[in-house]
Amino acid sequence: MIMQESQDKTVDFLADLPIFQHLTDEQLADLADIAEAYSFSRGSIIAYQRDVADSLYIVRDGRLFATAVDDQG
């Protein structure tokens, strides 16, 4: 369960993203209710090439790097 203060911060964060700017306050709150926060250490692998996507990751702080790997590594 997300605490109210945390949900409010999540709603504010989501509302500032262009992809979600068309959503109503209620829709943003619904989205915040199902959002999960993750923290990854530097160098962590969060997905592999050819993985089937079943989630949307939004980077709140930090950077992601995508690297394509061929058969030789």
PDB file of N, CA and C in Angstrom:
ATOM      1  N   MET A   1       0.844  -1.170   0.000  1.00  0.00           N
ATOM      2  CA  MET A   1       0.000   0.000   0.000  1.00  0.00           C
ATOM      3  C   MET A   1       0.892   1.238   0.000  1.00  0.00           C
ATOM      4  N   ILE A   2       0.521   2.216  -0.784  1.00  0.00           N
ATOM      5  CA  ILE A   2       1.264   3.459  -0.867  1.00  0.00           C
ATOM      6  C   ILE A   2       0.677   4.445   0.120  1.00  0.00           C
ATOM      7  N   MET A   3       1.540   5.059   0.922  1.00  0.00           N
ATOM      8  CA  MET A   3       1.059   6.061   1.865  1.00  0.00           C
ATOM      9  C   MET A   3       0.552   7.275   1.084  1.00  0.00           C
ATOM     10  N   GLN A   4      -0.396   8.002   1.652  1.00  0.00           N
ATOM     11  CA  GLN A   4      -1.010   9.142   0.958  1.00  0.00           C
ATOM     12  C   GLN A   4       0.026  10.162   0.511  1.00  0.00           C
ATOM     13  N   GLU A   5       0.960  10.519   1.389  1.00  0.00           N
ATOM     14  CA  GLU A   5       1.974  11.503   1.016  1.00  0.00           C
ATOM     15  C   GLU A   5       2.768  11.011  -0.183  1.00  0.00           C
ATOM     16  N   SER A   6       3.121   9.759  -0.167  1.00  0.00           N
ATOM     17  CA  SER A   6       3.883   9.172  -1.254  1.00  0.00           C
ATOM     18  C   SER A   6       3.051   9.139  -2.542  1.00  0.00           C
ATOM     19  N   GLN A   7       1.755   8.841  -2.417  1.00  0.00           N
ATOM     20  CA  GLN A   7       0.894   8.819  -3.593  1.00  0.00           C
ATOM     21  C   GLN A   7       0.776  10.221  -4.186  1.00  0.00           C
ATOM     22  N   ASP A   8       0.659  11.229  -3.342  1.00  0.00           N
ATOM     23  CA  ASP A   8       0.580  12.605  -3.831  1.00  0.00           C
ATOM     24  C   ASP A   8       1.833  12.982  -4.617  1.00  0.00           C
ATOM     25  N   LYS A   9       2.986  12.594  -4.110  1.00  0.00           N
ATOM     26  CA  LYS A   9       4.242  12.875  -4.818  1.00  0.00           C
ATOM     27  C   LYS A   9       4.285  12.133  -6.146  1.00  0.00           C
ATOM     28  N   THR A  10       3.790  10.905  -6.155  1.00  0.00           N
ATOM     29  CA  THR A  10       3.765  10.121  -7.389  1.00  0.00           C
ATOM     30  C   THR A  10       2.820  10.753  -8.401  1.00  0.00           C
ATOM     31  N   VAL A  11       1.658  11.197  -7.957  1.00  0.00           N
ATOM     32  CA  VAL A  11       0.699  11.864  -8.844  1.00  0.00           C
ATOM     33  C   VAL A  11       1.333  13.118  -9.439  1.00  0.00           C
ATOM     34  N   ASP A  12       1.984  13.917  -8.615  1.00  0.00           N
ATOM     35  CA  ASP A  12       2.635  15.134  -9.097  1.00  0.00           C
ATOM     36  C   ASP A  12       3.708  14.811 -10.131  1.00  0.00           C
ATOM     37  N   PHE A  13       4.498  13.796  -9.852  1.00  0.00           N
ATOM     38  CA  PHE A  13       5.552  13.377 -10.784  1.00  0.00           C
ATOM     39  C   PHE A  13       4.947  12.942 -12.114  1.00  0.00           C
ATOM     40  N   LEU A  14       3.936  12.086 -12.053  1.00  0.00           N
ATOM     41  CA  LEU A  14       3.301  11.596 -13.281  1.00  0.00           C
ATOM     42  C   LEU A  14       2.638  12.728 -14.063  1.00  0.00           C
ATOM     43  N   ALA A  15       2.016  13.655 -13.367  1.00  0.00           N
ATOM     44  CA  ALA A  15       1.313  14.767 -14.021  1.00  0.00           C
ATOM     45  C   ALA A  15       2.270  15.652 -14.815  1.00  0.00           C
ATOM     46  N   ASP A  16       3.527  15.701 -14.404  1.00  0.00           N
ATOM     47  CA  ASP A  16       4.516  16.530 -15.099  1.00  0.00           C
ATOM     48  C   ASP A  16       5.077  15.866 -16.360  1.00  0.00           C
ATOM     49  N   LEU A  17       4.790  14.598 -16.560  1.00  0.00           N
ATOM     50  CA  LEU A  17       5.303  13.891 -17.729  1.00  0.00           C
ATOM     51  C   LEU A  17       4.387  14.117 -18.929  1.00  0.00           C
ATOM     52  N   PRO A  18       4.944  14.512 -20.069  1.00  0.00           N
ATOM     53  CA  PRO A  18       4.116  14.778 -21.251  1.00  0.00           C
ATOM     54  C   PRO A  18       3.191  13.614 -21.638  1.00  0.00           C
ATOM     55  N   ILE A  19       3.629  12.403 -21.473  1.00  0.00           N
ATOM     56  CA  ILE A  19       2.819  11.245 -21.872  1.00  0.00           C
ATOM     57  C   ILE A  19       1.532  11.129 -21.056  1.00  0.00           C
ATOM     58  N   PHE A  20       1.523  11.688 -19.847  1.00  0.00           N
ATOM     59  CA  PHE A  20       0.358  11.575 -18.972  1.00  0.00           C
ATOM     60  C   PHE A  20      -0.399  12.893 -18.775  1.00  0.00           C
ATOM     61  N   GLN A  21      -0.006  13.942 -19.458  1.00  0.00           N
ATOM     62  CA  GLN A  21      -0.615  15.254 -19.233  1.00  0.00           C
ATOM     63  C   GLN A  21      -2.090  15.322 -19.620  1.00  0.00           C
ATOM     64  N   HIS A  22      -2.553  14.412 -20.453  1.00  0.00           N
ATOM     65  CA  HIS A  22      -3.968  14.417 -20.851  1.00  0.00           C
ATOM     66  C   HIS A  22      -4.870  13.715 -19.836  1.00  0.00           C
ATOM     67  N   LEU A  23      -4.283  13.071 -18.833  1.00  0.00           N
ATOM     68  CA  LEU A  23      -5.071  12.331 -17.853  1.00  0.00           C
ATOM     69  C   LEU A  23      -5.698  13.267 -16.823  1.00  0.00           C
ATOM     70  N   THR A  24      -6.852  12.867 -16.337  1.00  0.00           N
ATOM     71  CA  THR A  24      -7.516  13.614 -15.274  1.00  0.00           C
ATOM     72  C   THR A  24      -6.819  13.330 -13.940  1.00  0.00           C
ATOM     73  N   ASP A  25      -7.150  14.135 -12.933  1.00  0.00           N
ATOM     74  CA  ASP A  25      -6.587  13.899 -11.594  1.00  0.00           C
ATOM     75  C   ASP A  25      -6.959  12.512 -11.087  1.00  0.00           C
ATOM     76  N   GLU A  26      -8.171  12.085 -11.348  1.00  0.00           N
ATOM     77  CA  GLU A  26      -8.615  10.756 -10.913  1.00  0.00           C
ATOM     78  C   GLU A  26      -7.822   9.660 -11.620  1.00  0.00           C
ATOM     79  N   GLN A  27      -7.603   9.824 -12.904  1.00  0.00           N
ATOM     80  CA  GLN A  27      -6.835   8.829 -13.655  1.00  0.00           C
ATOM     81  C   GLN A  27      -5.384   8.782 -13.178  1.00  0.00           C
ATOM     82  N   LEU A  28      -4.808   9.944 -12.896  1.00  0.00           N
ATOM     83  CA  LEU A  28      -3.442   9.982 -12.367  1.00  0.00           C
ATOM     84  C   LEU A  28      -3.363   9.294 -11.014  1.00  0.00           C
ATOM     85  N   ALA A  29      -4.366   9.501 -10.165  1.00  0.00           N
ATOM     86  CA  ALA A  29      -4.396   8.844  -8.854  1.00  0.00           C
ATOM     87  C   ALA A  29      -4.508   7.330  -9.022  1.00  0.00           C
ATOM     88  N   ASP A  30      -5.339   6.886  -9.975  1.00  0.00           N
ATOM     89  CA  ASP A  30      -5.461   5.451 -10.245  1.00  0.00           C
ATOM     90  C   ASP A  30      -4.131   4.870 -10.714  1.00  0.00           C
ATOM     91  N   LEU A  31      -3.444   5.604 -11.570  1.00  0.00           N
ATOM     92  CA  LEU A  31      -2.140   5.156 -12.052  1.00  0.00           C
ATOM     93  C   LEU A  31      -1.130   5.105 -10.910  1.00  0.00           C
ATOM     94  N   ALA A  32      -1.140   6.120 -10.067  1.00  0.00           N
ATOM     95  CA  ALA A  32      -0.233   6.152  -8.915  1.00  0.00           C
ATOM     96  C   ALA A  32      -0.506   4.986  -7.961  1.00  0.00           C
ATOM     97  N   ASP A  33      -1.764   4.582  -7.857  1.00  0.00           N
ATOM     98  CA  ASP A  33      -2.126   3.454  -6.986  1.00  0.00           C
ATOM     99  C   ASP A  33      -1.467   2.150  -7.419  1.00  0.00           C
ATOM    100  N   ILE A  34      -1.272   1.973  -8.709  1.00  0.00           N
ATOM    101  CA  ILE A  34      -0.701   0.702  -9.192  1.00  0.00           C
ATOM    102  C   ILE A  34       0.786   0.817  -9.515  1.00  0.00           C
ATOM    103  N   ALA A  35       1.329   2.034  -9.423  1.00  0.00           N
ATOM    104  CA  ALA A  35       2.754   2.238  -9.707  1.00  0.00           C
ATOM    105  C   ALA A  35       3.598   1.643  -8.589  1.00  0.00           C
ATOM    106  N   GLU A  36       4.728   1.101  -8.978  1.00  0.00           N
ATOM    107  CA  GLU A  36       5.682   0.554  -8.014  1.00  0.00           C
ATOM    108  C   GLU A  36       7.023   1.233  -8.220  1.00  0.00           C
ATOM    109  N   ALA A  37       7.651   1.631  -7.148  1.00  0.00           N
ATOM    110  CA  ALA A  37       8.962   2.268  -7.212  1.00  0.00           C
ATOM    111  C   ALA A  37      10.051   1.220  -7.037  1.00  0.00           C
ATOM    112  N   TYR A  38      11.053   1.312  -7.863  1.00  0.00           N
ATOM    113  CA  TYR A  38      12.207   0.423  -7.790  1.00  0.00           C
ATOM    114  C   TYR A  38      13.461   1.266  -7.719  1.00  0.00           C
ATOM    115  N   SER A  39      14.465   0.725  -7.083  1.00  0.00           N
ATOM    116  CA  SER A  39      15.765   1.366  -7.026  1.00  0.00           C
ATOM    117  C   SER A  39      16.793   0.349  -7.515  1.00  0.00           C
ATOM    118  N   PHE A  40      17.649   0.778  -8.421  1.00  0.00           N
ATOM    119  CA  PHE A  40      18.658  -0.122  -8.974  1.00  0.00           C
ATOM    120  C   PHE A  40      20.040   0.443  -8.715  1.00  0.00           C
ATOM    121  N   SER A  41      20.962  -0.430  -8.438  1.00  0.00           N
ATOM    122  CA  SER A  41      22.355  -0.027  -8.247  1.00  0.00           C
ATOM    123  C   SER A  41      22.984   0.268  -9.603  1.00  0.00           C
ATOM    124  N   ARG A  42      24.003   1.088  -9.572  1.00  0.00           N
ATOM    125  CA  ARG A  42      24.748   1.411 -10.792  1.00  0.00           C
ATOM    126  C   ARG A  42      25.223   0.111 -11.449  1.00  0.00           C
ATOM    127  N   GLY A  43      25.007   0.012 -12.753  1.00  0.00           N
ATOM    128  CA  GLY A  43      25.446  -1.163 -13.501  1.00  0.00           C
ATOM    129  C   GLY A  43      24.444  -2.305 -13.521  1.00  0.00           C
ATOM    130  N   SER A  44      23.325  -2.145 -12.852  1.00  0.00           N
ATOM    131  CA  SER A  44      22.304  -3.200 -12.836  1.00  0.00           C
ATOM    132  C   SER A  44      21.701  -3.401 -14.223  1.00  0.00           C
ATOM    133  N   ILE A  45      21.360  -4.619 -14.523  1.00  0.00           N
ATOM    134  CA  ILE A  45      20.666  -4.939 -15.764  1.00  0.00           C
ATOM    135  C   ILE A  45      19.196  -5.089 -15.419  1.00  0.00           C
ATOM    136  N   ILE A  46      18.346  -4.291 -16.063  1.00  0.00           N
ATOM    137  CA  ILE A  46      16.917  -4.342 -15.746  1.00  0.00           C
ATOM    138  C   ILE A  46      16.113  -5.043 -16.830  1.00  0.00           C
ATOM    139  N   ALA A  47      16.713  -5.252 -17.989  1.00  0.00           N
ATOM    140  CA  ALA A  47      16.039  -5.964 -19.067  1.00  0.00           C
ATOM    141  C   ALA A  47      17.098  -6.477 -20.032  1.00  0.00           C
ATOM    142  N   TYR A  48      16.743  -7.527 -20.732  1.00  0.00           N
ATOM    143  CA  TYR A  48      17.637  -8.093 -21.725  1.00  0.00           C
ATOM    144  C   TYR A  48      17.041  -7.931 -23.119  1.00  0.00           C
ATOM    145  N   GLN A  49      17.927  -7.881 -24.075  1.00  0.00           N
ATOM    146  CA  GLN A  49      17.518  -7.812 -25.472  1.00  0.00           C
ATOM    147  C   GLN A  49      16.551  -8.957 -25.765  1.00  0.00           C
ATOM    148  N   ARG A  50      15.496  -8.665 -26.467  1.00  0.00           N
ATOM    149  CA  ARG A  50      14.447  -9.615 -26.869  1.00  0.00           C
ATOM    150  C   ARG A  50      13.509 -10.017 -25.722  1.00  0.00           C
ATOM    151  N   ASP A  51      13.639  -9.404 -24.552  1.00  0.00           N
ATOM    152  CA  ASP A  51      12.658  -9.648 -23.483  1.00  0.00           C
ATOM    153  C   ASP A  51      11.290  -9.160 -23.949  1.00  0.00           C
ATOM    154  N   VAL A  52      10.256  -9.856 -23.562  1.00  0.00           N
ATOM    155  CA  VAL A  52       8.899  -9.413 -23.848  1.00  0.00           C
ATOM    156  C   VAL A  52       8.547  -8.333 -22.823  1.00  0.00           C
ATOM    157  N   ALA A  53       8.145  -7.184 -23.314  1.00  0.00           N
ATOM    158  CA  ALA A  53       7.828  -6.062 -22.420  1.00  0.00           C
ATOM    159  C   ALA A  53       6.459  -6.259 -21.792  1.00  0.00           C
ATOM    160  N   ASP A  54       6.407  -6.216 -20.471  1.00  0.00           N
ATOM    161  CA  ASP A  54       5.134  -6.300 -19.753  1.00  0.00           C
ATOM    162  C   ASP A  54       5.003  -5.179 -18.728  1.00  0.00           C
ATOM    163  N   SER A  55       5.939  -4.218 -18.799  1.00  0.00           N
ATOM    164  CA  SER A  55       5.943  -3.101 -17.853  1.00  0.00           C
ATOM    165  C   SER A  55       6.447  -1.847 -18.554  1.00  0.00           C
ATOM    166  N   LEU A  56       6.143  -0.723 -17.947  1.00  0.00           N
ATOM    167  CA  LEU A  56       6.667   0.561 -18.401  1.00  0.00           C
ATOM    168  C   LEU A  56       7.549   1.085 -17.288  1.00  0.00           C
ATOM    169  N   TYR A  57       8.789   1.365 -17.613  1.00  0.00           N
ATOM    170  CA  TYR A  57       9.712   1.932 -16.639  1.00  0.00           C
ATOM    171  C   TYR A  57       9.871   3.413 -16.927  1.00  0.00           C
ATOM    172  N   ILE A  58       9.762   4.221 -15.897  1.00  0.00           N
ATOM    173  CA  ILE A  58       9.969   5.656 -15.993  1.00  0.00           C
ATOM    174  C   ILE A  58      11.100   6.003 -15.041  1.00  0.00           C
ATOM    175  N   VAL A  59      12.125   6.611 -15.574  1.00  0.00           N
ATOM    176  CA  VAL A  59      13.289   6.957 -14.757  1.00  0.00           C
ATOM    177  C   VAL A  59      13.027   8.285 -14.057  1.00  0.00           C
ATOM    178  N   ARG A  60      12.973   8.230 -12.748  1.00  0.00           N
ATOM    179  CA  ARG A  60      12.747   9.443 -11.959  1.00  0.00           C
ATOM    180  C   ARG A  60      14.061  10.159 -11.708  1.00  0.00           C
ATOM    181  N   ASP A  61      15.106   9.416 -11.482  1.00  0.00           N
ATOM    182  CA  ASP A  61      16.404  10.000 -11.186  1.00  0.00           C
ATOM    183  C   ASP A  61      17.479   9.053 -11.686  1.00  0.00           C
ATOM    184  N   GLY A  62      18.448   9.580 -12.385  1.00  0.00           N
ATOM    185  CA  GLY A  62      19.535   8.755 -12.891  1.00  0.00           C
ATOM    186  C   GLY A  62      19.450   8.585 -14.393  1.00  0.00           C
ATOM    187  N   ARG A  63      20.142   7.577 -14.896  1.00  0.00           N
ATOM    188  CA  ARG A  63      20.213   7.325 -16.330  1.00  0.00           C
ATOM    189  C   ARG A  63      20.096   5.844 -16.620  1.00  0.00           C
ATOM    190  N   LEU A  64      19.581   5.571 -17.808  1.00  0.00           N
ATOM    191  CA  LEU A  64      19.578   4.212 -18.342  1.00  0.00           C
ATOM    192  C   LEU A  64      20.413   4.200 -19.600  1.00  0.00           C
ATOM    193  N   PHE A  65      21.110   3.122 -19.822  1.00  0.00           N
ATOM    194  CA  PHE A  65      21.859   2.929 -21.043  1.00  0.00           C
ATOM    195  C   PHE A  65      21.389   1.650 -21.694  1.00  0.00           C
ATOM    196  N   ALA A  66      21.173   1.699 -22.993  1.00  0.00           N
ATOM    197  CA  ALA A  66      20.788   0.519 -23.753  1.00  0.00           C
ATOM    198  C   ALA A  66      21.974   0.092 -24.610  1.00  0.00           C
ATOM    199  N   THR A  67      22.273  -1.191 -24.545  1.00  0.00           N
ATOM    200  CA  THR A  67      23.374  -1.735 -25.314  1.00  0.00           C
ATOM    201  C   THR A  67      22.887  -2.951 -26.080  1.00  0.00           C
ATOM    202  N   ALA A  68      23.145  -2.968 -27.378  1.00  0.00           N
ATOM    203  CA  ALA A  68      22.783  -4.128 -28.204  1.00  0.00           C
ATOM    204  C   ALA A  68      23.971  -5.097 -28.209  1.00  0.00           C
ATOM    205  N   VAL A  69      23.652  -6.363 -28.053  1.00  0.00           N
ATOM    206  CA  VAL A  69      24.671  -7.392 -28.015  1.00  0.00           C
ATOM    207  C   VAL A  69      24.432  -8.347 -29.173  1.00  0.00           C
ATOM    208  N   ASP A  70      25.509  -8.677 -29.903  1.00  0.00           N
ATOM    209  CA  ASP A  70      25.380  -9.634 -30.995  1.00  0.00           C
ATOM    210  C   ASP A  70      25.757 -11.037 -30.514  1.00  0.00           C
ATOM    211  N   ASP A  71      25.818 -11.997 -31.422  1.00  0.00           N
ATOM    212  CA  ASP A  71      26.097 -13.388 -31.053  1.00  0.00           C
ATOM    213  C   ASP A  71      27.487 -13.576 -30.444  1.00  0.00           C
ATOM    214  N   GLN A  72      28.393 -12.678 -30.718  1.00  0.00           N
ATOM    215  CA  GLN A  72      29.755 -12.770 -30.146  1.00  0.00           C
ATOM    216  C   GLN A  72      29.871 -12.039 -28.804  1.00  0.00           C
ATOM    217  N   GLY A  73      28.793 -11.466 -28.356  1.00  0.00           N
ATOM    218  CA  GLY A  73      28.796 -10.814 -27.054  1.00  0.00           C
ATOM    219  C   GLY A  73      29.024  -9.352 -27.143  1.00  0.00           C
TER     220      GLY A  73
END
